[in-house]
Amino acid sequence: MPLERVSQGFRDISASFKINPLNDDLVPLKNEQAIARSIRNIVFTIPGEKPFQPDFGSNISSLLFESIDEVTAVNIKDEIRESIEIYEPRVILRDVAVFPDYDNNNFEATIIYEIVGIDAPPQSLEFVLQPTR
């Protein structure tokens, strides 16, 4: 039976750059919060925006200016799935759902994933995708 690799946990720096008053260090994001922030960063980063990694991110920003319909929702879903599978090895992607919201001119996205190496239930991340200039 192969050994299962177990992580000690994940830590990332918070984008708020808040200072811990006890040790004057940055407040970290841990485990589920760190992974959720990483996934959001991958989805909302435009390729070419991250220095020295020109392919990092997803192309959903250009898809948001297409028609609000099921075809565009499927394209956004595929782009999210592909970018997470490439750039976030700490998760196993279970489902990505994208629904057009015709009344508000945006898309609602839900990502369900499991974190590799820690004992945590499947996580769900939801956000609204809307075109901005």
N, C-alpha and C. Protein backbone atom coordinates (compact mmCIF):
# COMPACT_ATOMS: atom_id res chain seq x y z
N MET A 1 0.85 -1.18 0.00
CA MET A 1 0.00 0.00 0.00
C MET A 1 0.89 1.24 0.00
N PRO A 2 0.69 2.16 -0.97
CA PRO A 2 1.52 3.36 -1.01
C PRO A 2 1.21 4.29 0.15
N LEU A 3 2.23 5.01 0.56
CA LEU A 3 2.07 5.97 1.64
C LEU A 3 1.37 7.22 1.13
N GLU A 4 0.48 7.75 1.94
CA GLU A 4 -0.20 8.99 1.58
C GLU A 4 0.57 10.16 2.18
N ARG A 5 0.84 11.14 1.37
CA ARG A 5 1.58 12.29 1.83
C ARG A 5 0.63 13.24 2.57
N VAL A 6 1.00 13.60 3.79
CA VAL A 6 0.17 14.48 4.60
C VAL A 6 0.94 15.77 4.83
N SER A 7 0.29 16.87 4.59
CA SER A 7 0.91 18.17 4.75
C SER A 7 0.78 18.65 6.18
N GLN A 8 1.66 19.54 6.58
CA GLN A 8 1.58 20.16 7.89
C GLN A 8 0.66 21.38 7.84
N GLY A 9 0.22 21.76 6.69
CA GLY A 9 -0.66 22.91 6.52
C GLY A 9 -0.09 23.88 5.51
N PHE A 10 -0.91 24.83 5.10
CA PHE A 10 -0.52 25.81 4.10
C PHE A 10 -0.63 27.20 4.70
N ARG A 11 0.31 28.06 4.36
CA ARG A 11 0.29 29.45 4.84
C ARG A 11 0.68 30.37 3.70
N ASP A 12 -0.08 31.44 3.57
CA ASP A 12 0.21 32.47 2.58
C ASP A 12 0.09 33.83 3.26
N ILE A 13 0.64 34.83 2.62
CA ILE A 13 0.56 36.19 3.14
C ILE A 13 -0.79 36.79 2.76
N SER A 14 -1.41 37.46 3.70
CA SER A 14 -2.69 38.11 3.44
C SER A 14 -2.47 39.33 2.55
N ALA A 15 -3.37 39.55 1.63
CA ALA A 15 -3.28 40.71 0.74
C ALA A 15 -3.59 42.02 1.46
N SER A 16 -4.16 41.93 2.66
CA SER A 16 -4.48 43.14 3.42
C SER A 16 -3.24 43.73 4.09
N PHE A 17 -2.20 42.93 4.24
CA PHE A 17 -0.94 43.34 4.88
C PHE A 17 -1.17 43.88 6.29
N LYS A 18 -2.11 43.27 7.00
CA LYS A 18 -2.34 43.65 8.40
C LYS A 18 -1.18 43.16 9.25
N ILE A 19 -0.87 43.91 10.30
CA ILE A 19 0.24 43.59 11.20
C ILE A 19 -0.31 42.95 12.47
N ASN A 20 0.31 41.85 12.88
CA ASN A 20 -0.04 41.21 14.13
C ASN A 20 0.55 42.06 15.26
N PRO A 21 -0.26 42.57 16.18
CA PRO A 21 0.26 43.45 17.24
C PRO A 21 1.16 42.74 18.24
N LEU A 22 1.09 41.41 18.31
CA LEU A 22 1.92 40.68 19.27
C LEU A 22 3.36 40.51 18.82
N ASN A 23 3.56 40.31 17.51
CA ASN A 23 4.92 40.06 17.04
C ASN A 23 5.35 40.97 15.89
N ASP A 24 4.55 41.96 15.54
CA ASP A 24 4.85 42.90 14.46
C ASP A 24 5.15 42.22 13.13
N ASP A 25 4.56 41.05 12.91
CA ASP A 25 4.72 40.33 11.66
C ASP A 25 3.40 40.42 10.89
N LEU A 26 3.44 40.09 9.61
CA LEU A 26 2.22 40.09 8.81
C LEU A 26 1.30 38.96 9.27
N VAL A 27 0.00 39.21 9.23
CA VAL A 27 -0.98 38.19 9.59
C VAL A 27 -1.09 37.22 8.41
N PRO A 28 -0.85 35.92 8.65
CA PRO A 28 -0.91 34.97 7.54
C PRO A 28 -2.32 34.41 7.32
N LEU A 29 -2.56 33.92 6.14
CA LEU A 29 -3.75 33.13 5.85
C LEU A 29 -3.33 31.67 6.00
N LYS A 30 -4.18 30.85 6.58
CA LYS A 30 -3.82 29.46 6.83
C LYS A 30 -4.80 28.51 6.15
N ASN A 31 -4.29 27.39 5.70
CA ASN A 31 -5.02 26.27 5.13
C ASN A 31 -6.15 26.68 4.19
N GLU A 32 -7.42 26.52 4.61
CA GLU A 32 -8.55 26.76 3.71
C GLU A 32 -8.58 28.19 3.18
N GLN A 33 -8.28 29.15 4.03
CA GLN A 33 -8.28 30.56 3.60
C GLN A 33 -7.16 30.82 2.59
N ALA A 34 -6.00 30.23 2.81
CA ALA A 34 -4.87 30.42 1.91
C ALA A 34 -5.17 29.84 0.52
N ILE A 35 -5.76 28.67 0.49
CA ILE A 35 -6.09 28.03 -0.79
C ILE A 35 -7.17 28.83 -1.51
N ALA A 36 -8.20 29.27 -0.78
CA ALA A 36 -9.28 30.06 -1.40
C ALA A 36 -8.72 31.34 -2.01
N ARG A 37 -7.83 32.03 -1.31
CA ARG A 37 -7.24 33.26 -1.83
C ARG A 37 -6.39 32.96 -3.07
N SER A 38 -5.67 31.85 -3.05
CA SER A 38 -4.86 31.47 -4.20
C SER A 38 -5.72 31.21 -5.43
N ILE A 39 -6.84 30.52 -5.25
CA ILE A 39 -7.73 30.23 -6.37
C ILE A 39 -8.32 31.52 -6.92
N ARG A 40 -8.74 32.42 -6.05
CA ARG A 40 -9.26 33.72 -6.51
C ARG A 40 -8.19 34.48 -7.29
N ASN A 41 -6.96 34.46 -6.81
CA ASN A 41 -5.87 35.14 -7.51
C ASN A 41 -5.64 34.55 -8.90
N ILE A 42 -5.70 33.24 -9.00
CA ILE A 42 -5.50 32.59 -10.30
C ILE A 42 -6.61 33.01 -11.26
N VAL A 43 -7.85 32.97 -10.80
CA VAL A 43 -8.99 33.28 -11.66
C VAL A 43 -8.97 34.74 -12.11
N PHE A 44 -8.63 35.65 -11.21
CA PHE A 44 -8.71 37.07 -11.52
C PHE A 44 -7.43 37.69 -12.06
N THR A 45 -6.35 36.92 -12.17
CA THR A 45 -5.11 37.43 -12.74
C THR A 45 -5.13 37.25 -14.24
N ILE A 46 -4.81 38.31 -14.96
CA ILE A 46 -4.76 38.28 -16.42
C ILE A 46 -3.38 37.80 -16.83
N PRO A 47 -3.27 36.84 -17.78
CA PRO A 47 -1.95 36.40 -18.22
C PRO A 47 -1.10 37.59 -18.66
N GLY A 48 0.15 37.60 -18.20
CA GLY A 48 1.05 38.70 -18.49
C GLY A 48 1.12 39.71 -17.36
N GLU A 49 0.20 39.62 -16.41
CA GLU A 49 0.14 40.56 -15.30
C GLU A 49 1.16 40.23 -14.20
N LYS A 50 1.51 38.97 -14.05
CA LYS A 50 2.45 38.55 -13.01
C LYS A 50 3.87 38.53 -13.58
N PRO A 51 4.79 39.28 -12.96
CA PRO A 51 6.16 39.33 -13.47
C PRO A 51 6.82 37.95 -13.50
N PHE A 52 7.54 37.69 -14.56
CA PHE A 52 8.33 36.48 -14.75
C PHE A 52 7.50 35.22 -14.94
N GLN A 53 6.17 35.33 -14.94
CA GLN A 53 5.29 34.20 -15.24
C GLN A 53 4.20 34.69 -16.20
N PRO A 54 4.55 34.87 -17.46
CA PRO A 54 3.60 35.49 -18.41
C PRO A 54 2.35 34.67 -18.69
N ASP A 55 2.37 33.37 -18.43
CA ASP A 55 1.20 32.53 -18.71
C ASP A 55 0.29 32.37 -17.51
N PHE A 56 0.71 32.82 -16.33
CA PHE A 56 -0.05 32.62 -15.09
C PHE A 56 -1.37 33.38 -15.15
N GLY A 57 -2.45 32.72 -14.70
CA GLY A 57 -3.75 33.36 -14.63
C GLY A 57 -4.76 32.72 -15.56
N SER A 58 -5.84 33.46 -15.82
CA SER A 58 -6.88 32.96 -16.72
C SER A 58 -7.34 34.09 -17.64
N ASN A 59 -7.92 33.70 -18.74
CA ASN A 59 -8.39 34.67 -19.75
C ASN A 59 -9.86 35.01 -19.60
N ILE A 60 -10.42 34.85 -18.41
CA ILE A 60 -11.86 35.11 -18.28
C ILE A 60 -12.21 36.58 -18.44
N SER A 61 -11.25 37.47 -18.18
CA SER A 61 -11.57 38.90 -18.32
C SER A 61 -12.01 39.24 -19.73
N SER A 62 -11.41 38.61 -20.73
CA SER A 62 -11.83 38.88 -22.11
C SER A 62 -13.17 38.22 -22.43
N LEU A 63 -13.48 37.10 -21.77
CA LEU A 63 -14.75 36.42 -22.01
C LEU A 63 -15.93 37.17 -21.39
N LEU A 64 -15.67 38.00 -20.41
CA LEU A 64 -16.76 38.72 -19.74
C LEU A 64 -17.39 39.80 -20.62
N PHE A 65 -16.72 40.14 -21.71
CA PHE A 65 -17.27 41.14 -22.63
C PHE A 65 -18.00 40.49 -23.80
N GLU A 66 -18.14 39.17 -23.75
CA GLU A 66 -18.93 38.46 -24.75
C GLU A 66 -20.40 38.51 -24.34
N SER A 67 -21.26 37.92 -25.13
CA SER A 67 -22.69 37.88 -24.82
C SER A 67 -22.93 37.10 -23.53
N ILE A 68 -23.90 37.55 -22.76
CA ILE A 68 -24.29 36.84 -21.55
C ILE A 68 -25.20 35.69 -21.98
N ASP A 69 -24.61 34.50 -22.14
CA ASP A 69 -25.38 33.34 -22.56
C ASP A 69 -24.70 32.06 -22.08
N GLU A 70 -25.32 30.93 -22.38
CA GLU A 70 -24.81 29.63 -21.93
C GLU A 70 -23.47 29.28 -22.57
N VAL A 71 -23.27 29.66 -23.82
CA VAL A 71 -22.01 29.35 -24.51
C VAL A 71 -20.84 30.05 -23.82
N THR A 72 -21.00 31.31 -23.50
CA THR A 72 -19.95 32.05 -22.80
C THR A 72 -19.74 31.47 -21.41
N ALA A 73 -20.81 31.05 -20.74
CA ALA A 73 -20.69 30.43 -19.41
C ALA A 73 -19.86 29.16 -19.47
N VAL A 74 -20.06 28.36 -20.50
CA VAL A 74 -19.27 27.13 -20.67
C VAL A 74 -17.81 27.47 -20.94
N ASN A 75 -17.54 28.49 -21.75
CA ASN A 75 -16.17 28.90 -22.03
C ASN A 75 -15.48 29.41 -20.76
N ILE A 76 -16.20 30.17 -19.94
CA ILE A 76 -15.64 30.66 -18.68
C ILE A 76 -15.36 29.49 -17.74
N LYS A 77 -16.29 28.55 -17.68
CA LYS A 77 -16.12 27.36 -16.85
C LYS A 77 -14.86 26.59 -17.26
N ASP A 78 -14.68 26.38 -18.55
CA ASP A 78 -13.50 25.65 -19.05
C ASP A 78 -12.22 26.41 -18.72
N GLU A 79 -12.23 27.72 -18.85
CA GLU A 79 -11.05 28.54 -18.56
C GLU A 79 -10.70 28.48 -17.07
N ILE A 80 -11.69 28.56 -16.21
CA ILE A 80 -11.44 28.45 -14.77
C ILE A 80 -10.88 27.09 -14.42
N ARG A 81 -11.50 26.04 -14.94
CA ARG A 81 -11.05 24.67 -14.66
C ARG A 81 -9.60 24.47 -15.11
N GLU A 82 -9.29 24.89 -16.31
CA GLU A 82 -7.94 24.70 -16.86
C GLU A 82 -6.90 25.46 -16.04
N SER A 83 -7.18 26.70 -15.71
CA SER A 83 -6.20 27.50 -14.99
C SER A 83 -5.96 26.98 -13.57
N ILE A 84 -7.00 26.52 -12.89
CA ILE A 84 -6.81 25.98 -11.54
C ILE A 84 -6.04 24.66 -11.60
N GLU A 85 -6.37 23.81 -12.56
CA GLU A 85 -5.65 22.54 -12.68
C GLU A 85 -4.17 22.75 -12.98
N ILE A 86 -3.83 23.78 -13.72
CA ILE A 86 -2.44 24.05 -14.06
C ILE A 86 -1.69 24.70 -12.90
N TYR A 87 -2.28 25.72 -12.25
CA TYR A 87 -1.54 26.57 -11.32
C TYR A 87 -1.81 26.32 -9.84
N GLU A 88 -2.70 25.42 -9.49
CA GLU A 88 -2.94 25.15 -8.08
C GLU A 88 -2.87 23.65 -7.79
N PRO A 89 -1.65 23.13 -7.57
CA PRO A 89 -1.50 21.69 -7.34
C PRO A 89 -1.97 21.24 -5.96
N ARG A 90 -2.31 22.16 -5.08
CA ARG A 90 -2.73 21.80 -3.73
C ARG A 90 -4.19 21.40 -3.64
N VAL A 91 -4.92 21.44 -4.77
CA VAL A 91 -6.34 21.08 -4.74
C VAL A 91 -6.67 20.04 -5.80
N ILE A 92 -7.74 19.30 -5.51
CA ILE A 92 -8.36 18.42 -6.50
C ILE A 92 -9.70 19.06 -6.83
N LEU A 93 -9.85 19.47 -8.06
CA LEU A 93 -11.06 20.17 -8.49
C LEU A 93 -12.19 19.17 -8.66
N ARG A 94 -13.30 19.40 -7.99
CA ARG A 94 -14.47 18.52 -8.08
C ARG A 94 -15.52 19.04 -9.05
N ASP A 95 -15.77 20.35 -9.02
CA ASP A 95 -16.80 20.89 -9.91
C ASP A 95 -16.60 22.39 -10.08
N VAL A 96 -16.91 22.86 -11.27
CA VAL A 96 -16.95 24.29 -11.56
C VAL A 96 -18.29 24.53 -12.24
N ALA A 97 -19.06 25.47 -11.68
CA ALA A 97 -20.35 25.81 -12.27
C ALA A 97 -20.39 27.32 -12.52
N VAL A 98 -20.81 27.69 -13.71
CA VAL A 98 -20.93 29.11 -14.07
C VAL A 98 -22.31 29.31 -14.68
N PHE A 99 -23.04 30.28 -14.11
CA PHE A 99 -24.39 30.56 -14.58
C PHE A 99 -24.51 32.02 -15.00
N PRO A 100 -25.11 32.26 -16.17
CA PRO A 100 -25.33 33.65 -16.56
C PRO A 100 -26.45 34.28 -15.74
N ASP A 101 -26.24 35.50 -15.32
CA ASP A 101 -27.26 36.28 -14.62
C ASP A 101 -27.66 37.41 -15.57
N TYR A 102 -28.71 37.15 -16.34
CA TYR A 102 -29.11 38.08 -17.40
C TYR A 102 -29.55 39.43 -16.86
N ASP A 103 -30.20 39.44 -15.71
CA ASP A 103 -30.73 40.68 -15.16
C ASP A 103 -29.63 41.63 -14.70
N ASN A 104 -28.53 41.09 -14.19
CA ASN A 104 -27.44 41.92 -13.65
C ASN A 104 -26.22 42.00 -14.55
N ASN A 105 -26.30 41.39 -15.74
CA ASN A 105 -25.22 41.44 -16.73
C ASN A 105 -23.90 40.91 -16.15
N ASN A 106 -23.97 39.73 -15.50
CA ASN A 106 -22.76 39.11 -14.97
C ASN A 106 -22.92 37.60 -14.95
N PHE A 107 -21.91 36.91 -14.44
CA PHE A 107 -21.94 35.46 -14.30
C PHE A 107 -21.70 35.13 -12.83
N GLU A 108 -22.36 34.10 -12.34
CA GLU A 108 -22.14 33.61 -11.00
C GLU A 108 -21.35 32.31 -11.10
N ALA A 109 -20.23 32.24 -10.39
CA ALA A 109 -19.36 31.07 -10.47
C ALA A 109 -19.26 30.40 -9.11
N THR A 110 -19.26 29.07 -9.12
CA THR A 110 -19.06 28.27 -7.92
C THR A 110 -18.00 27.23 -8.23
N ILE A 111 -16.99 27.15 -7.37
CA ILE A 111 -15.91 26.19 -7.53
C ILE A 111 -15.91 25.29 -6.30
N ILE A 112 -15.97 23.98 -6.50
CA ILE A 112 -15.91 23.02 -5.40
C ILE A 112 -14.63 22.22 -5.56
N TYR A 113 -13.86 22.13 -4.48
CA TYR A 113 -12.56 21.48 -4.53
C TYR A 113 -12.22 20.83 -3.19
N GLU A 114 -11.28 19.90 -3.24
CA GLU A 114 -10.74 19.29 -2.03
C GLU A 114 -9.27 19.69 -1.92
N ILE A 115 -8.84 19.94 -0.70
CA ILE A 115 -7.45 20.32 -0.47
C ILE A 115 -6.64 19.06 -0.24
N VAL A 116 -5.54 18.94 -0.96
CA VAL A 116 -4.66 17.78 -0.87
C VAL A 116 -3.81 17.88 0.39
N GLY A 117 -3.76 16.80 1.16
CA GLY A 117 -2.81 16.72 2.26
C GLY A 117 -3.32 17.18 3.61
N ILE A 118 -4.52 17.73 3.70
CA ILE A 118 -5.06 18.07 5.02
C ILE A 118 -6.44 17.46 5.15
N ASP A 119 -6.82 17.19 6.37
CA ASP A 119 -8.11 16.59 6.64
C ASP A 119 -9.16 17.69 6.74
N ALA A 120 -9.75 18.04 5.61
CA ALA A 120 -10.77 19.09 5.56
C ALA A 120 -11.87 18.64 4.61
N PRO A 121 -13.11 19.03 4.90
CA PRO A 121 -14.20 18.69 3.99
C PRO A 121 -14.05 19.44 2.67
N PRO A 122 -14.75 19.01 1.63
CA PRO A 122 -14.69 19.76 0.37
C PRO A 122 -15.07 21.22 0.58
N GLN A 123 -14.36 22.09 -0.10
CA GLN A 123 -14.55 23.53 0.02
C GLN A 123 -15.34 24.06 -1.16
N SER A 124 -16.09 25.13 -0.92
CA SER A 124 -16.86 25.77 -1.98
C SER A 124 -16.50 27.26 -2.00
N LEU A 125 -16.21 27.76 -3.17
CA LEU A 125 -15.85 29.16 -3.36
C LEU A 125 -16.81 29.75 -4.38
N GLU A 126 -17.50 30.82 -4.01
CA GLU A 126 -18.47 31.45 -4.90
C GLU A 126 -18.10 32.91 -5.12
N PHE A 127 -18.28 33.38 -6.34
CA PHE A 127 -18.05 34.80 -6.64
C PHE A 127 -18.79 35.18 -7.90
N VAL A 128 -18.91 36.49 -8.09
CA VAL A 128 -19.59 37.06 -9.24
C VAL A 128 -18.55 37.57 -10.21
N LEU A 129 -18.72 37.25 -11.47
CA LEU A 129 -17.82 37.71 -12.52
C LEU A 129 -18.56 38.76 -13.35
N GLN A 130 -18.05 39.98 -13.35
CA GLN A 130 -18.68 41.03 -14.14
C GLN A 130 -17.64 41.82 -14.89
N PRO A 131 -18.00 42.29 -16.09
CA PRO A 131 -17.04 43.05 -16.88
C PRO A 131 -16.74 44.38 -16.24
N THR A 132 -15.47 44.74 -16.21
CA THR A 132 -15.04 46.05 -15.72
C THR A 132 -14.02 46.60 -16.70
N ARG A 133 -14.00 47.89 -16.82
CA ARG A 133 -13.03 48.52 -17.74
C ARG A 133 -12.04 49.29 -16.94
